Amino acid sequence: MAVQAGVPVVPVALKNSDVLMGKGTGEAWPGTIDMVMLPPVDTSWVKSDDDLAALARQVQNSIMRELGIEKLSARHVKATGPQNRT
């Protein structure tokens, strides 16, 4: 959407959400979640799907740096929807 609108992406990092929200449980515990708005990322150079993928990596990397994450863990996505119908 940002690319189509010709505006920058503003990455947002949520700190402590992993501690206060029970992953996959639907539970939440009292505490403070800090929201850090990072510097805007220019999108004017995005012209192709490869550029869009590079933009996504750039935004993700800036959020990871803010959160002190060096590497993402593997995602285990449970497939649902029409592709599973037989």
PDB file of N, CA and C in Angstrom:
ATOM      1  N   MET A   1       0.814  -1.189   0.000  1.00  0.00           N
ATOM      2  CA  MET A   1       0.000   0.000   0.000  1.00  0.00           C
ATOM      3  C   MET A   1       0.863   1.259   0.000  1.00  0.00           C
ATOM      4  N   ALA A   2       1.937   1.259   0.795  1.00  0.00           N
ATOM      5  CA  ALA A   2       2.801   2.441   0.862  1.00  0.00           C
ATOM      6  C   ALA A   2       3.439   2.718  -0.490  1.00  0.00           C
ATOM      7  N   VAL A   3       3.860   1.657  -1.163  1.00  0.00           N
ATOM      8  CA  VAL A   3       4.495   1.819  -2.472  1.00  0.00           C
ATOM      9  C   VAL A   3       3.493   2.419  -3.448  1.00  0.00           C
ATOM     10  N   GLN A   4       2.280   1.891  -3.471  1.00  0.00           N
ATOM     11  CA  GLN A   4       1.247   2.402  -4.378  1.00  0.00           C
ATOM     12  C   GLN A   4       0.891   3.844  -4.071  1.00  0.00           C
ATOM     13  N   ALA A   5       0.910   4.205  -2.795  1.00  0.00           N
ATOM     14  CA  ALA A   5       0.569   5.568  -2.391  1.00  0.00           C
ATOM     15  C   ALA A   5       1.749   6.524  -2.523  1.00  0.00           C
ATOM     16  N   GLY A   6       2.962   5.963  -2.736  1.00  0.00           N
ATOM     17  CA  GLY A   6       4.142   6.800  -2.877  1.00  0.00           C
ATOM     18  C   GLY A   6       4.597   7.418  -1.564  1.00  0.00           C
ATOM     19  N   VAL A   7       4.366   6.706  -0.468  1.00  0.00           N
ATOM     20  CA  VAL A   7       4.766   7.203   0.850  1.00  0.00           C
ATOM     21  C   VAL A   7       5.732   6.217   1.506  1.00  0.00           C
ATOM     22  N   PRO A   8       6.503   6.657   2.484  1.00  0.00           N
ATOM     23  CA  PRO A   8       7.422   5.754   3.174  1.00  0.00           C
ATOM     24  C   PRO A   8       6.681   4.768   4.071  1.00  0.00           C
ATOM     25  N   VAL A   9       7.366   3.690   4.411  1.00  0.00           N
ATOM     26  CA  VAL A   9       6.889   2.731   5.405  1.00  0.00           C
ATOM     27  C   VAL A   9       7.496   3.145   6.740  1.00  0.00           C
ATOM     28  N   VAL A  10       6.673   3.158   7.779  1.00  0.00           N
ATOM     29  CA  VAL A  10       7.177   3.454   9.118  1.00  0.00           C
ATOM     30  C   VAL A  10       7.158   2.160   9.921  1.00  0.00           C
ATOM     31  N   PRO A  11       8.341   1.544  10.124  1.00  0.00           N
ATOM     32  CA  PRO A  11       8.393   0.308  10.900  1.00  0.00           C
ATOM     33  C   PRO A  11       8.052   0.584  12.368  1.00  0.00           C
ATOM     34  N   VAL A  12       7.334  -0.359  12.975  1.00  0.00           N
ATOM     35  CA  VAL A  12       6.962  -0.250  14.383  1.00  0.00           C
ATOM     36  C   VAL A  12       7.400  -1.532  15.088  1.00  0.00           C
ATOM     37  N   ALA A  13       8.172  -1.369  16.167  1.00  0.00           N
ATOM     38  CA  ALA A  13       8.618  -2.513  16.964  1.00  0.00           C
ATOM     39  C   ALA A  13       7.841  -2.514  18.278  1.00  0.00           C
ATOM     40  N   LEU A  14       7.293  -3.678  18.633  1.00  0.00           N
ATOM     41  CA  LEU A  14       6.570  -3.830  19.895  1.00  0.00           C
ATOM     42  C   LEU A  14       7.447  -4.620  20.858  1.00  0.00           C
ATOM     43  N   LYS A  15       7.900  -3.951  21.899  1.00  0.00           N
ATOM     44  CA  LYS A  15       8.788  -4.590  22.874  1.00  0.00           C
ATOM     45  C   LYS A  15       7.978  -5.158  24.034  1.00  0.00           C
ATOM     46  N   ASN A  16       8.347  -6.345  24.467  1.00  0.00           N
ATOM     47  CA  ASN A  16       7.749  -7.068  25.592  1.00  0.00           C
ATOM     48  C   ASN A  16       6.456  -7.791  25.241  1.00  0.00           C
ATOM     49  N   SER A  17       5.995  -7.688  24.019  1.00  0.00           N
ATOM     50  CA  SER A  17       4.756  -8.390  23.659  1.00  0.00           C
ATOM     51  C   SER A  17       4.953  -9.901  23.718  1.00  0.00           C
ATOM     52  N   ASP A  18       6.170 -10.359  23.428  1.00  0.00           N
ATOM     53  CA  ASP A  18       6.433 -11.798  23.476  1.00  0.00           C
ATOM     54  C   ASP A  18       6.370 -12.328  24.903  1.00  0.00           C
ATOM     55  N   VAL A  19       6.675 -11.487  25.882  1.00  0.00           N
ATOM     56  CA  VAL A  19       6.655 -11.895  27.281  1.00  0.00           C
ATOM     57  C   VAL A  19       5.235 -11.819  27.852  1.00  0.00           C
ATOM     58  N   LEU A  20       4.471 -10.827  27.414  1.00  0.00           N
ATOM     59  CA  LEU A  20       3.166 -10.570  28.008  1.00  0.00           C
ATOM     60  C   LEU A  20       2.001 -11.259  27.306  1.00  0.00           C
ATOM     61  N   MET A  21       2.243 -11.767  26.125  1.00  0.00           N
ATOM     62  CA  MET A  21       1.185 -12.445  25.369  1.00  0.00           C
ATOM     63  C   MET A  21       1.568 -13.914  25.230  1.00  0.00           C
ATOM     64  N   GLY A  22       0.735 -14.790  25.733  1.00  0.00           N
ATOM     65  CA  GLY A  22       1.020 -16.214  25.637  1.00  0.00           C
ATOM     66  C   GLY A  22       0.882 -16.686  24.201  1.00  0.00           C
ATOM     67  N   LYS A  23       1.968 -17.071  23.588  1.00  0.00           N
ATOM     68  CA  LYS A  23       1.965 -17.479  22.181  1.00  0.00           C
ATOM     69  C   LYS A  23       1.018 -18.655  21.962  1.00  0.00           C
ATOM     70  N   GLY A  24       0.015 -18.425  21.140  1.00  0.00           N
ATOM     71  CA  GLY A  24      -0.931 -19.478  20.796  1.00  0.00           C
ATOM     72  C   GLY A  24      -1.936 -19.806  21.884  1.00  0.00           C
ATOM     73  N   THR A  25      -1.910 -19.058  22.997  1.00  0.00           N
ATOM     74  CA  THR A  25      -2.811 -19.373  24.100  1.00  0.00           C
ATOM     75  C   THR A  25      -4.024 -18.461  24.149  1.00  0.00           C
ATOM     76  N   GLY A  26      -3.921 -17.291  23.549  1.00  0.00           N
ATOM     77  CA  GLY A  26      -4.990 -16.312  23.652  1.00  0.00           C
ATOM     78  C   GLY A  26      -4.977 -15.593  24.991  1.00  0.00           C
ATOM     79  N   GLU A  27      -3.967 -15.859  25.804  1.00  0.00           N
ATOM     80  CA  GLU A  27      -3.849 -15.236  27.117  1.00  0.00           C
ATOM     81  C   GLU A  27      -2.967 -13.996  27.052  1.00  0.00           C
ATOM     82  N   ALA A  28      -3.225 -13.072  27.956  1.00  0.00           N
ATOM     83  CA  ALA A  28      -2.384 -11.888  28.092  1.00  0.00           C
ATOM     84  C   ALA A  28      -2.201 -11.608  29.571  1.00  0.00           C
ATOM     85  N   TRP A  29      -1.009 -11.146  29.935  1.00  0.00           N
ATOM     86  CA  TRP A  29      -0.703 -10.839  31.321  1.00  0.00           C
ATOM     87  C   TRP A  29      -0.478  -9.341  31.456  1.00  0.00           C
ATOM     88  N   PRO A  30      -0.720  -8.810  32.657  1.00  0.00           N
ATOM     89  CA  PRO A  30      -0.529  -7.369  32.848  1.00  0.00           C
ATOM     90  C   PRO A  30       0.934  -6.979  32.679  1.00  0.00           C
ATOM     91  N   GLY A  31       1.134  -5.799  32.161  1.00  0.00           N
ATOM     92  CA  GLY A  31       2.483  -5.289  31.969  1.00  0.00           C
ATOM     93  C   GLY A  31       2.469  -4.186  30.931  1.00  0.00           C
ATOM     94  N   THR A  32       3.639  -3.749  30.555  1.00  0.00           N
ATOM     95  CA  THR A  32       3.771  -2.655  29.595  1.00  0.00           C
ATOM     96  C   THR A  32       4.405  -3.164  28.311  1.00  0.00           C
ATOM     97  N   ILE A  33       3.756  -2.874  27.213  1.00  0.00           N
ATOM     98  CA  ILE A  33       4.315  -3.141  25.887  1.00  0.00           C
ATOM     99  C   ILE A  33       4.745  -1.796  25.321  1.00  0.00           C
ATOM    100  N   ASP A  34       6.020  -1.682  25.003  1.00  0.00           N
ATOM    101  CA  ASP A  34       6.551  -0.439  24.442  1.00  0.00           C
ATOM    102  C   ASP A  34       6.460  -0.478  22.928  1.00  0.00           C
ATOM    103  N   MET A  35       5.924   0.589  22.352  1.00  0.00           N
ATOM    104  CA  MET A  35       5.839   0.706  20.902  1.00  0.00           C
ATOM    105  C   MET A  35       6.895   1.720  20.458  1.00  0.00           C
ATOM    106  N   VAL A  36       7.818   1.261  19.615  1.00  0.00           N
ATOM    107  CA  VAL A  36       8.892   2.122  19.119  1.00  0.00           C
ATOM    108  C   VAL A  36       8.673   2.351  17.630  1.00  0.00           C
ATOM    109  N   MET A  37       8.458   3.608  17.268  1.00  0.00           N
ATOM    110  CA  MET A  37       8.323   3.964  15.852  1.00  0.00           C
ATOM    111  C   MET A  37       9.717   4.263  15.326  1.00  0.00           C
ATOM    112  N   LEU A  38      10.124   3.514  14.320  1.00  0.00           N
ATOM    113  CA  LEU A  38      11.467   3.629  13.746  1.00  0.00           C
ATOM    114  C   LEU A  38      11.457   4.631  12.595  1.00  0.00           C
ATOM    115  N   PRO A  39      12.629   5.048  12.136  1.00  0.00           N
ATOM    116  CA  PRO A  39      12.686   6.017  11.037  1.00  0.00           C
ATOM    117  C   PRO A  39      11.972   5.484   9.786  1.00  0.00           C
ATOM    118  N   PRO A  40      11.304   6.375   9.071  1.00  0.00           N
ATOM    119  CA  PRO A  40      10.614   5.975   7.837  1.00  0.00           C
ATOM    120  C   PRO A  40      11.583   5.383   6.818  1.00  0.00           C
ATOM    121  N   VAL A  41      11.083   4.433   6.040  1.00  0.00           N
ATOM    122  CA  VAL A  41      11.874   3.779   4.995  1.00  0.00           C
ATOM    123  C   VAL A  41      11.299   4.190   3.643  1.00  0.00           C
ATOM    124  N   ASP A  42      12.146   4.797   2.824  1.00  0.00           N
ATOM    125  CA  ASP A  42      11.747   5.263   1.497  1.00  0.00           C
ATOM    126  C   ASP A  42      11.271   4.098   0.634  1.00  0.00           C
ATOM    127  N   THR A  43      10.219   4.316  -0.141  1.00  0.00           N
ATOM    128  CA  THR A  43       9.694   3.277  -1.036  1.00  0.00           C
ATOM    129  C   THR A  43       9.755   3.688  -2.507  1.00  0.00           C
ATOM    130  N   SER A  44      10.288   4.877  -2.792  1.00  0.00           N
ATOM    131  CA  SER A  44      10.242   5.386  -4.170  1.00  0.00           C
ATOM    132  C   SER A  44      11.048   4.537  -5.147  1.00  0.00           C
ATOM    133  N   TRP A  45      11.987   3.749  -4.652  1.00  0.00           N
ATOM    134  CA  TRP A  45      12.842   2.923  -5.508  1.00  0.00           C
ATOM    135  C   TRP A  45      12.213   1.583  -5.862  1.00  0.00           C
ATOM    136  N   VAL A  46      11.086   1.239  -5.256  1.00  0.00           N
ATOM    137  CA  VAL A  46      10.462  -0.074  -5.464  1.00  0.00           C
ATOM    138  C   VAL A  46       9.718  -0.079  -6.802  1.00  0.00           C
ATOM    139  N   LYS A  47      10.217  -0.908  -7.715  1.00  0.00           N
ATOM    140  CA  LYS A  47       9.633  -0.979  -9.067  1.00  0.00           C
ATOM    141  C   LYS A  47       9.228  -2.389  -9.470  1.00  0.00           C
ATOM    142  N   SER A  48       9.669  -3.404  -8.714  1.00  0.00           N
ATOM    143  CA  SER A  48       9.398  -4.792  -9.115  1.00  0.00           C
ATOM    144  C   SER A  48       9.092  -5.633  -7.878  1.00  0.00           C
ATOM    145  N   ASP A  49       8.685  -6.859  -8.109  1.00  0.00           N
ATOM    146  CA  ASP A  49       8.441  -7.783  -7.000  1.00  0.00           C
ATOM    147  C   ASP A  49       9.721  -8.049  -6.218  1.00  0.00           C
ATOM    148  N   ASP A  50      10.855  -8.114  -6.906  1.00  0.00           N
ATOM    149  CA  ASP A  50      12.130  -8.305  -6.215  1.00  0.00           C
ATOM    150  C   ASP A  50      12.451  -7.110  -5.316  1.00  0.00           C
ATOM    151  N   ASP A  51      12.168  -5.899  -5.828  1.00  0.00           N
ATOM    152  CA  ASP A  51      12.368  -4.697  -5.015  1.00  0.00           C
ATOM    153  C   ASP A  51      11.460  -4.724  -3.783  1.00  0.00           C
ATOM    154  N   LEU A  52      10.220  -5.159  -3.977  1.00  0.00           N
ATOM    155  CA  LEU A  52       9.272  -5.231  -2.871  1.00  0.00           C
ATOM    156  C   LEU A  52       9.748  -6.216  -1.806  1.00  0.00           C
ATOM    157  N   ALA A  53      10.290  -7.343  -2.239  1.00  0.00           N
ATOM    158  CA  ALA A  53      10.832  -8.322  -1.299  1.00  0.00           C
ATOM    159  C   ALA A  53      12.021  -7.727  -0.546  1.00  0.00           C
ATOM    160  N   ALA A  54      12.859  -6.954  -1.239  1.00  0.00           N
ATOM    161  CA  ALA A  54      14.005  -6.305  -0.601  1.00  0.00           C
ATOM    162  C   ALA A  54      13.529  -5.265   0.416  1.00  0.00           C
ATOM    163  N   LEU A  55      12.480  -4.530   0.086  1.00  0.00           N
ATOM    164  CA  LEU A  55      11.905  -3.558   1.022  1.00  0.00           C
ATOM    165  C   LEU A  55      11.393  -4.260   2.274  1.00  0.00           C
ATOM    166  N   ALA A  56      10.690  -5.368   2.098  1.00  0.00           N
ATOM    167  CA  ALA A  56      10.166  -6.127   3.237  1.00  0.00           C
ATOM    168  C   ALA A  56      11.314  -6.598   4.130  1.00  0.00           C
ATOM    169  N   ARG A  57      12.399  -7.091   3.526  1.00  0.00           N
ATOM    170  CA  ARG A  57      13.566  -7.530   4.311  1.00  0.00           C
ATOM    171  C   ARG A  57      14.193  -6.357   5.063  1.00  0.00           C
ATOM    172  N   GLN A  58      14.274  -5.205   4.391  1.00  0.00           N
ATOM    173  CA  GLN A  58      14.863  -4.009   5.009  1.00  0.00           C
ATOM    174  C   GLN A  58      14.046  -3.578   6.228  1.00  0.00           C
ATOM    175  N   VAL A  59      12.732  -3.549   6.091  1.00  0.00           N
ATOM    176  CA  VAL A  59      11.855  -3.158   7.196  1.00  0.00           C
ATOM    177  C   VAL A  59      11.940  -4.186   8.325  1.00  0.00           C
ATOM    178  N   GLN A  60      11.884  -5.458   7.962  1.00  0.00           N
ATOM    179  CA  GLN A  60      11.978  -6.515   8.965  1.00  0.00           C
ATOM    180  C   GLN A  60      13.303  -6.448   9.714  1.00  0.00           C
ATOM    181  N   ASN A  61      14.388  -6.229   9.000  1.00  0.00           N
ATOM    182  CA  ASN A  61      15.705  -6.139   9.634  1.00  0.00           C
ATOM    183  C   ASN A  61      15.795  -4.962  10.603  1.00  0.00           C
ATOM    184  N   SER A  62      15.177  -3.830  10.263  1.00  0.00           N
ATOM    185  CA  SER A  62      15.227  -2.682  11.172  1.00  0.00           C
ATOM    186  C   SER A  62      14.452  -2.981  12.456  1.00  0.00           C
ATOM    187  N   ILE A  63      13.337  -3.679  12.344  1.00  0.00           N
ATOM    188  CA  ILE A  63      12.559  -4.061  13.528  1.00  0.00           C
ATOM    189  C   ILE A  63      13.351  -5.066  14.360  1.00  0.00           C
ATOM    190  N   MET A  64      13.962  -6.032  13.699  1.00  0.00           N
ATOM    191  CA  MET A  64      14.751  -7.040  14.413  1.00  0.00           C
ATOM    192  C   MET A  64      15.911  -6.394  15.167  1.00  0.00           C
ATOM    193  N   ARG A  65      16.592  -5.435  14.540  1.00  0.00           N
ATOM    194  CA  ARG A  65      17.693  -4.731  15.223  1.00  0.00           C
ATOM    195  C   ARG A  65      17.184  -4.044  16.488  1.00  0.00           C
ATOM    196  N   GLU A  66      16.044  -3.388  16.382  1.00  0.00           N
ATOM    197  CA  GLU A  66      15.477  -2.684  17.535  1.00  0.00           C
ATOM    198  C   GLU A  66      15.129  -3.649  18.663  1.00  0.00           C
ATOM    199  N   LEU A  67      14.673  -4.838  18.306  1.00  0.00           N
ATOM    200  CA  LEU A  67      14.277  -5.821  19.308  1.00  0.00           C
ATOM    201  C   LEU A  67      15.438  -6.696  19.771  1.00  0.00           C
ATOM    202  N   GLY A  68      16.607  -6.529  19.150  1.00  0.00           N
ATOM    203  CA  GLY A  68      17.762  -7.333  19.526  1.00  0.00           C
ATOM    204  C   GLY A  68      17.677  -8.768  19.042  1.00  0.00           C
ATOM    205  N   ILE A  69      16.974  -8.970  17.935  1.00  0.00           N
ATOM    206  CA  ILE A  69      16.817 -10.299  17.354  1.00  0.00           C
ATOM    207  C   ILE A  69      17.814 -10.445  16.215  1.00  0.00           C
ATOM    208  N   GLU A  70      18.626 -11.495  16.279  1.00  0.00           N
ATOM    209  CA  GLU A  70      19.617 -11.712  15.231  1.00  0.00           C
ATOM    210  C   GLU A  70      19.102 -12.593  14.109  1.00  0.00           C
ATOM    211  N   LYS A  71      18.266 -13.561  14.448  1.00  0.00           N
ATOM    212  CA  LYS A  71      17.787 -14.513  13.452  1.00  0.00           C
ATOM    213  C   LYS A  71      16.359 -14.924  13.801  1.00  0.00           C
ATOM    214  N   LEU A  72      15.538 -15.030  12.780  1.00  0.00           N
ATOM    215  CA  LEU A  72      14.171 -15.486  12.999  1.00  0.00           C
ATOM    216  C   LEU A  72      14.139 -16.986  13.186  1.00  0.00           C
ATOM    217  N   SER A  73      13.252 -17.436  14.031  1.00  0.00           N
ATOM    218  CA  SER A  73      13.058 -18.881  14.171  1.00  0.00           C
ATOM    219  C   SER A  73      12.118 -19.334  13.062  1.00  0.00           C
ATOM    220  N   ALA A  74      12.133 -20.611  12.783  1.00  0.00           N
ATOM    221  CA  ALA A  74      11.283 -21.160  11.721  1.00  0.00           C
ATOM    222  C   ALA A  74       9.821 -21.003  12.103  1.00  0.00           C
ATOM    223  N   ARG A  75       9.008 -20.650  11.129  1.00  0.00           N
ATOM    224  CA  ARG A  75       7.562 -20.541  11.351  1.00  0.00           C
ATOM    225  C   ARG A  75       6.912 -21.854  10.978  1.00  0.00           C
ATOM    226  N   HIS A  76       6.025 -22.273  11.800  1.00  0.00           N
ATOM    227  CA  HIS A  76       5.237 -23.461  11.509  1.00  0.00           C
ATOM    228  C   HIS A  76       3.812 -23.001  11.267  1.00  0.00           C
ATOM    229  N   VAL A  77       3.456 -22.920   9.984  1.00  0.00           N
ATOM    230  CA  VAL A  77       2.145 -22.415   9.613  1.00  0.00           C
ATOM    231  C   VAL A  77       1.226 -23.588   9.343  1.00  0.00           C
ATOM    232  N   LYS A  78       0.100 -23.572  10.000  1.00  0.00           N
ATOM    233  CA  LYS A  78      -0.902 -24.599   9.792  1.00  0.00           C
ATOM    234  C   LYS A  78      -1.722 -24.196   8.569  1.00  0.00           C
ATOM    235  N   ALA A  79      -1.640 -24.999   7.529  1.00  0.00           N
ATOM    236  CA  ALA A  79      -2.331 -24.686   6.290  1.00  0.00           C
ATOM    237  C   ALA A  79      -3.836 -24.870   6.462  1.00  0.00           C
ATOM    238  N   THR A  80      -4.578 -23.844   6.048  1.00  0.00           N
ATOM    239  CA  THR A  80      -6.037 -23.915   6.079  1.00  0.00           C
ATOM    240  C   THR A  80      -6.562 -23.272   4.820  1.00  0.00           C
ATOM    241  N   GLY A  81      -7.794 -23.498   4.552  1.00  0.00           N
ATOM    242  CA  GLY A  81      -8.407 -22.828   3.418  1.00  0.00           C
ATOM    243  C   GLY A  81      -8.606 -23.752   2.222  1.00  0.00           C
ATOM    244  N   PRO A  82      -8.982 -23.131   1.101  1.00  0.00           N
ATOM    245  CA  PRO A  82      -9.340 -23.894  -0.088  1.00  0.00           C
ATOM    246  C   PRO A  82      -8.264 -24.831  -0.617  1.00  0.00           C
ATOM    247  N   GLN A  83      -6.992 -24.500  -0.422  1.00  0.00           N
ATOM    248  CA  GLN A  83      -5.923 -25.333  -0.966  1.00  0.00           C
ATOM    249  C   GLN A  83      -5.895 -26.714  -0.330  1.00  0.00           C
ATOM    250  N   ASN A  84      -6.530 -26.905   0.828  1.00  0.00           N
ATOM    251  CA  ASN A  84      -6.523 -28.196   1.507  1.00  0.00           C
ATOM    252  C   ASN A  84      -7.764 -29.041   1.216  1.00  0.00           C
ATOM    253  N   ARG A  85      -8.669 -28.498   0.496  1.00  0.00           N
ATOM    254  CA  ARG A  85      -9.900 -29.251   0.207  1.00  0.00           C
ATOM    255  C   ARG A  85      -9.651 -30.294  -0.867  1.00  0.00           C
ATOM    256  N   THR A  86     -10.232 -31.455  -0.682  1.00  0.00           N
ATOM    257  CA  THR A  86     -10.063 -32.508  -1.673  1.00  0.00           C
ATOM    258  C   THR A  86     -11.371 -32.871  -2.306  1.00  0.00           C
TER     259      THR A  86
END
